[in-house]
């Protein structure tokens, strides 16, 4: 029972975190609708959408982060502890009870994202909206991807993604 609660809290907690970010970013992208664009704005928007859709949505979330989140949620369901269940969203993100490499990547990536958020906040419209439109696409793709992989992990057969925990490391 505790494992199921933890796994659910991990997925729901991440969904709330990403949903909150989507909700807060949407107005900046929506402001683009009332903006008169020059050709270079349209080009920048297309590049932002293509780059963030591919790099963040597909490569980052769909191929790496989302399957690992689902694998860690499944691991949590099967190996619950009070700390893992209480902090399930950050457990699923790989901040603790993870391989050394996973923890380093998780912390560094988080710091880099915080730095980029601080920088993008300094941009004036329409540039902030252009960047945020790409982020919305990538983050939305990521959120849906997490749900898809979570469904596969909990209800499908043959889900083989490793959770990158100290006891379940990829063979090298």
C-alpha atoms as a PDB file:
ATOM      1  CA  UNK A   1       0.000   0.000   0.000  1.00  0.00           C
ATOM      2  CA  UNK A   2       2.746   2.478   0.979  1.00  0.00           C
ATOM      3  CA  UNK A   3       4.592   1.749  -2.275  1.00  0.00           C
ATOM      4  CA  UNK A   4       1.505   2.444  -4.400  1.00  0.00           C
ATOM      5  CA  UNK A   5       0.914   5.706  -2.547  1.00  0.00           C
ATOM      6  CA  UNK A   6       4.543   6.724  -3.047  1.00  0.00           C
ATOM      7  CA  UNK A   7       4.570   5.866  -6.736  1.00  0.00           C
ATOM      8  CA  UNK A   8       1.321   7.771  -7.277  1.00  0.00           C
ATOM      9  CA  UNK A   9       2.599  10.751  -5.280  1.00  0.00           C
ATOM     10  CA  UNK A  10       5.779  10.761  -7.386  1.00  0.00           C
ATOM     11  CA  UNK A  11       3.886  10.982 -10.679  1.00  0.00           C
ATOM     12  CA  UNK A  12       1.207  13.354  -9.367  1.00  0.00           C
ATOM     13  CA  UNK A  13       3.791  15.575  -7.665  1.00  0.00           C
ATOM     14  CA  UNK A  14       5.831  15.912 -10.859  1.00  0.00           C
ATOM     15  CA  UNK A  15       2.637  16.531 -12.825  1.00  0.00           C
ATOM     16  CA  UNK A  16       1.748  19.356 -10.434  1.00  0.00           C
ATOM     17  CA  UNK A  17       5.256  20.812 -10.675  1.00  0.00           C
ATOM     18  CA  UNK A  18       5.277  20.761 -14.469  1.00  0.00           C
ATOM     19  CA  UNK A  19       1.639  21.847 -14.686  1.00  0.00           C
ATOM     20  CA  UNK A  20       2.416  24.833 -12.475  1.00  0.00           C
ATOM     21  CA  UNK A  21       5.300  25.811 -14.740  1.00  0.00           C
ATOM     22  CA  UNK A  22       3.087  25.469 -17.824  1.00  0.00           C
ATOM     23  CA  UNK A  23       0.393  27.596 -16.174  1.00  0.00           C
ATOM     24  CA  UNK A  24       2.892  30.338 -15.239  1.00  0.00           C
ATOM     25  CA  UNK A  25       4.581  30.411 -18.666  1.00  0.00           C
ATOM     26  CA  UNK A  26       1.431  30.379 -20.773  1.00  0.00           C
ATOM     27  CA  UNK A  27       0.591  34.110 -20.404  1.00  0.00           C
ATOM     28  CA  UNK A  28       3.989  35.111 -21.843  1.00  0.00           C
ATOM     29  CA  UNK A  29       3.484  32.941 -24.889  1.00  0.00           C
ATOM     30  CA  UNK A  30      -0.134  34.094 -25.192  1.00  0.00           C
ATOM     31  CA  UNK A  31       1.050  37.720 -25.291  1.00  0.00           C
ATOM     32  CA  UNK A  32       2.575  36.907 -28.665  1.00  0.00           C
ATOM     33  CA  UNK A  33      -0.910  36.855 -30.179  1.00  0.00           C
ATOM     34  CA  UNK A  34      -1.211  40.629 -29.849  1.00  0.00           C
ATOM     35  CA  UNK A  35       2.310  41.329 -31.114  1.00  0.00           C
ATOM     36  CA  UNK A  36       3.203  42.458 -34.607  1.00  0.00           C
ATOM     37  CA  UNK A  37       5.947  40.172 -35.820  1.00  0.00           C
ATOM     38  CA  UNK A  38       8.707  40.931 -38.260  1.00  0.00           C
ATOM     39  CA  UNK A  39      10.113  38.101 -40.364  1.00  0.00           C
ATOM     40  CA  UNK A  40      12.941  37.486 -37.871  1.00  0.00           C
ATOM     41  CA  UNK A  41      10.424  37.074 -35.045  1.00  0.00           C
ATOM     42  CA  UNK A  42       8.620  34.379 -37.037  1.00  0.00           C
ATOM     43  CA  UNK A  43      11.930  32.696 -37.818  1.00  0.00           C
ATOM     44  CA  UNK A  44      12.939  32.832 -34.145  1.00  0.00           C
ATOM     45  CA  UNK A  45       9.597  31.385 -33.075  1.00  0.00           C
ATOM     46  CA  UNK A  46       9.932  28.529 -35.562  1.00  0.00           C
ATOM     47  CA  UNK A  47      13.487  27.814 -34.394  1.00  0.00           C
ATOM     48  CA  UNK A  48      12.422  27.970 -30.734  1.00  0.00           C
ATOM     49  CA  UNK A  49       9.545  25.560 -31.304  1.00  0.00           C
ATOM     50  CA  UNK A  50      11.607  23.146 -33.396  1.00  0.00           C
ATOM     51  CA  UNK A  51      14.625  23.230 -31.099  1.00  0.00           C
ATOM     52  CA  UNK A  52      12.750  22.964 -27.806  1.00  0.00           C
ATOM     53  CA  UNK A  53      10.322  20.396 -29.178  1.00  0.00           C
ATOM     54  CA  UNK A  54      13.205  18.219 -30.317  1.00  0.00           C
ATOM     55  CA  UNK A  55      15.877  18.900 -27.664  1.00  0.00           C
ATOM     56  CA  UNK A  56      13.679  19.284 -24.582  1.00  0.00           C
ATOM     57  CA  UNK A  57      10.514  17.401 -25.493  1.00  0.00           C
ATOM     58  CA  UNK A  58      11.833  14.468 -27.477  1.00  0.00           C
ATOM     59  CA  UNK A  59      15.518  14.006 -26.599  1.00  0.00           C
ATOM     60  CA  UNK A  60      15.371  15.228 -23.002  1.00  0.00           C
ATOM     61  CA  UNK A  61      11.987  14.149 -21.760  1.00  0.00           C
ATOM     62  CA  UNK A  62      10.715  11.381 -24.026  1.00  0.00           C
ATOM     63  CA  UNK A  63      13.953   9.457 -24.475  1.00  0.00           C
ATOM     64  CA  UNK A  64      15.594  10.022 -21.068  1.00  0.00           C
ATOM     65  CA  UNK A  65      13.768  11.735 -18.214  1.00  0.00           C
ATOM     66  CA  UNK A  66      10.234  10.366 -18.561  1.00  0.00           C
ATOM     67  CA  UNK A  67      11.110   6.655 -18.859  1.00  0.00           C
ATOM     68  CA  UNK A  68      13.464   6.986 -15.887  1.00  0.00           C
ATOM     69  CA  UNK A  69      10.798   8.766 -13.807  1.00  0.00           C
ATOM     70  CA  UNK A  70       8.393   5.916 -14.532  1.00  0.00           C
ATOM     71  CA  UNK A  71      11.069   3.335 -13.716  1.00  0.00           C
ATOM     72  CA  UNK A  72      11.879   5.079 -10.424  1.00  0.00           C
ATOM     73  CA  UNK A  73       8.164   5.310  -9.562  1.00  0.00           C
ATOM     74  CA  UNK A  74       7.838   1.570 -10.242  1.00  0.00           C
ATOM     75  CA  UNK A  75      10.942   0.927  -8.131  1.00  0.00           C
ATOM     76  CA  UNK A  76       9.398   3.022  -5.343  1.00  0.00           C
ATOM     77  CA  UNK A  77       6.208   0.976  -5.526  1.00  0.00           C
ATOM     78  CA  UNK A  78       8.242  -2.203  -5.075  1.00  0.00           C
ATOM     79  CA  UNK A  79      10.778  -0.802  -2.553  1.00  0.00           C
ATOM     80  CA  UNK A  80       9.031   1.815  -0.403  1.00  0.00           C
ATOM     81  CA  UNK A  81      10.612   3.541   2.552  1.00  0.00           C
ATOM     82  CA  UNK A  82       9.084   6.391   4.510  1.00  0.00           C
ATOM     83  CA  UNK A  83      11.603   8.932   3.173  1.00  0.00           C
ATOM     84  CA  UNK A  84      11.201   7.813  -0.444  1.00  0.00           C
ATOM     85  CA  UNK A  85       7.401   7.949  -0.181  1.00  0.00           C
ATOM     86  CA  UNK A  86       7.347  11.366   1.504  1.00  0.00           C
ATOM     87  CA  UNK A  87       9.742  12.832  -1.053  1.00  0.00           C
ATOM     88  CA  UNK A  88       8.559  10.742  -3.993  1.00  0.00           C
ATOM     89  CA  UNK A  89       8.615  13.530  -6.634  1.00  0.00           C
ATOM     90  CA  UNK A  90      12.283  14.344  -5.953  1.00  0.00           C
ATOM     91  CA  UNK A  91      13.052  10.629  -5.626  1.00  0.00           C
ATOM     92  CA  UNK A  92      11.535  10.071  -9.075  1.00  0.00           C
ATOM     93  CA  UNK A  93      13.675  12.920 -10.426  1.00  0.00           C
ATOM     94  CA  UNK A  94      16.828  11.161  -9.202  1.00  0.00           C
ATOM     95  CA  UNK A  95      17.933  13.523  -6.444  1.00  0.00           C
ATOM     96  CA  UNK A  96      18.523  10.751  -3.894  1.00  0.00           C
ATOM     97  CA  UNK A  97      18.931   6.970  -3.735  1.00  0.00           C
ATOM     98  CA  UNK A  98      20.398   7.173  -7.204  1.00  0.00           C
ATOM     99  CA  UNK A  99      23.708   6.335  -8.791  1.00  0.00           C
ATOM    100  CA  UNK A 100      26.419   8.937  -8.338  1.00  0.00           C
ATOM    101  CA  UNK A 101      26.228   9.854 -12.017  1.00  0.00           C
ATOM    102  CA  UNK A 102      22.418  10.233 -11.874  1.00  0.00           C
ATOM    103  CA  UNK A 103      22.610  12.546  -8.850  1.00  0.00           C
ATOM    104  CA  UNK A 104      25.306  14.696 -10.455  1.00  0.00           C
ATOM    105  CA  UNK A 105      23.324  14.982 -13.685  1.00  0.00           C
ATOM    106  CA  UNK A 106      20.067  15.735 -11.821  1.00  0.00           C
ATOM    107  CA  UNK A 107      21.580  18.472  -9.661  1.00  0.00           C
ATOM    108  CA  UNK A 108      23.605  20.058 -12.484  1.00  0.00           C
ATOM    109  CA  UNK A 109      20.653  20.031 -14.866  1.00  0.00           C
ATOM    110  CA  UNK A 110      18.426  21.620 -12.230  1.00  0.00           C
ATOM    111  CA  UNK A 111      20.974  24.389 -11.571  1.00  0.00           C
ATOM    112  CA  UNK A 112      21.337  25.004 -15.300  1.00  0.00           C
ATOM    113  CA  UNK A 113      17.552  25.247 -15.721  1.00  0.00           C
ATOM    114  CA  UNK A 114      17.307  27.717 -12.829  1.00  0.00           C
ATOM    115  CA  UNK A 115      20.042  29.815 -14.435  1.00  0.00           C
ATOM    116  CA  UNK A 116      18.265  29.792 -17.793  1.00  0.00           C
ATOM    117  CA  UNK A 117      14.961  30.769 -16.147  1.00  0.00           C
ATOM    118  CA  UNK A 118      16.676  33.763 -14.512  1.00  0.00           C
ATOM    119  CA  UNK A 119      18.180  34.802 -17.853  1.00  0.00           C
ATOM    120  CA  UNK A 120      14.973  34.387 -19.863  1.00  0.00           C
ATOM    121  CA  UNK A 121      13.047  36.495 -17.329  1.00  0.00           C
ATOM    122  CA  UNK A 122      15.290  39.404 -18.334  1.00  0.00           C
ATOM    123  CA  UNK A 123      14.144  39.266 -21.964  1.00  0.00           C
ATOM    124  CA  UNK A 124      11.595  41.749 -23.258  1.00  0.00           C
ATOM    125  CA  UNK A 125       8.590  40.703 -25.307  1.00  0.00           C
ATOM    126  CA  UNK A 126       8.330  39.287 -27.926  1.00  0.00           C
ATOM    127  CA  UNK A 127      11.610  37.482 -27.210  1.00  0.00           C
ATOM    128  CA  UNK A 128      10.532  36.109 -23.839  1.00  0.00           C
ATOM    129  CA  UNK A 129       7.285  34.840 -25.355  1.00  0.00           C
ATOM    130  CA  UNK A 130       9.180  33.241 -28.233  1.00  0.00           C
ATOM    131  CA  UNK A 131      11.463  31.354 -25.855  1.00  0.00           C
ATOM    132  CA  UNK A 132       8.569  30.487 -23.538  1.00  0.00           C
ATOM    133  CA  UNK A 133       6.508  29.123 -26.443  1.00  0.00           C
ATOM    134  CA  UNK A 134       9.302  26.637 -27.126  1.00  0.00           C
ATOM    135  CA  UNK A 135       9.559  25.772 -23.439  1.00  0.00           C
ATOM    136  CA  UNK A 136       5.790  25.234 -23.283  1.00  0.00           C
ATOM    137  CA  UNK A 137       6.010  22.781 -26.163  1.00  0.00           C
ATOM    138  CA  UNK A 138       8.913  20.857 -24.642  1.00  0.00           C
ATOM    139  CA  UNK A 139       7.504  20.833 -21.117  1.00  0.00           C
ATOM    140  CA  UNK A 140       4.024  19.871 -22.299  1.00  0.00           C
ATOM    141  CA  UNK A 141       5.535  17.036 -24.326  1.00  0.00           C
ATOM    142  CA  UNK A 142       7.461  16.003 -21.238  1.00  0.00           C
ATOM    143  CA  UNK A 143       4.390  15.938 -19.032  1.00  0.00           C
ATOM    144  CA  UNK A 144       2.409  13.810 -21.478  1.00  0.00           C
ATOM    145  CA  UNK A 145       5.445  11.581 -21.927  1.00  0.00           C
ATOM    146  CA  UNK A 146       5.691  11.004 -18.164  1.00  0.00           C
ATOM    147  CA  UNK A 147       2.050   9.908 -18.100  1.00  0.00           C
ATOM    148  CA  UNK A 148       2.534   7.565 -21.065  1.00  0.00           C
ATOM    149  CA  UNK A 149       5.606   5.899 -19.548  1.00  0.00           C
ATOM    150  CA  UNK A 150       3.955   5.673 -16.126  1.00  0.00           C
ATOM    151  CA  UNK A 151       0.989   3.850 -17.695  1.00  0.00           C
ATOM    152  CA  UNK A 152       3.388   1.507 -19.508  1.00  0.00           C
ATOM    153  CA  UNK A 153       5.376   0.860 -16.329  1.00  0.00           C
ATOM    154  CA  UNK A 154       2.369   0.117 -14.131  1.00  0.00           C
ATOM    155  CA  UNK A 155      -0.053  -1.519 -16.545  1.00  0.00           C
ATOM    156  CA  UNK A 156       2.035  -2.818 -19.428  1.00  0.00           C
ATOM    157  CA  UNK A 157       4.235  -5.825 -19.671  1.00  0.00           C
ATOM    158  CA  UNK A 158       7.947  -5.854 -20.254  1.00  0.00           C
ATOM    159  CA  UNK A 159       8.848  -2.359 -19.027  1.00  0.00           C
ATOM    160  CA  UNK A 160      12.631  -2.699 -18.809  1.00  0.00           C
ATOM    161  CA  UNK A 161      13.939   0.814 -18.110  1.00  0.00           C
ATOM    162  CA  UNK A 162      16.400   0.836 -15.218  1.00  0.00           C
ATOM    163  CA  UNK A 163      15.686   3.218 -12.317  1.00  0.00           C
ATOM    164  CA  UNK A 164      19.392   4.054 -11.888  1.00  0.00           C
ATOM    165  CA  UNK A 165      19.405   3.272  -8.179  1.00  0.00           C
ATOM    166  CA  UNK A 166      22.569   2.065  -6.413  1.00  0.00           C
ATOM    167  CA  UNK A 167      21.267  -1.519  -6.461  1.00  0.00           C
ATOM    168  CA  UNK A 168      19.996  -1.438 -10.069  1.00  0.00           C
ATOM    169  CA  UNK A 169      22.744   0.039 -12.209  1.00  0.00           C
ATOM    170  CA  UNK A 170      23.116  -0.271 -15.948  1.00  0.00           C
ATOM    171  CA  UNK A 171      25.740  -2.812 -16.931  1.00  0.00           C
ATOM    172  CA  UNK A 172      28.728  -1.125 -18.468  1.00  0.00           C
END
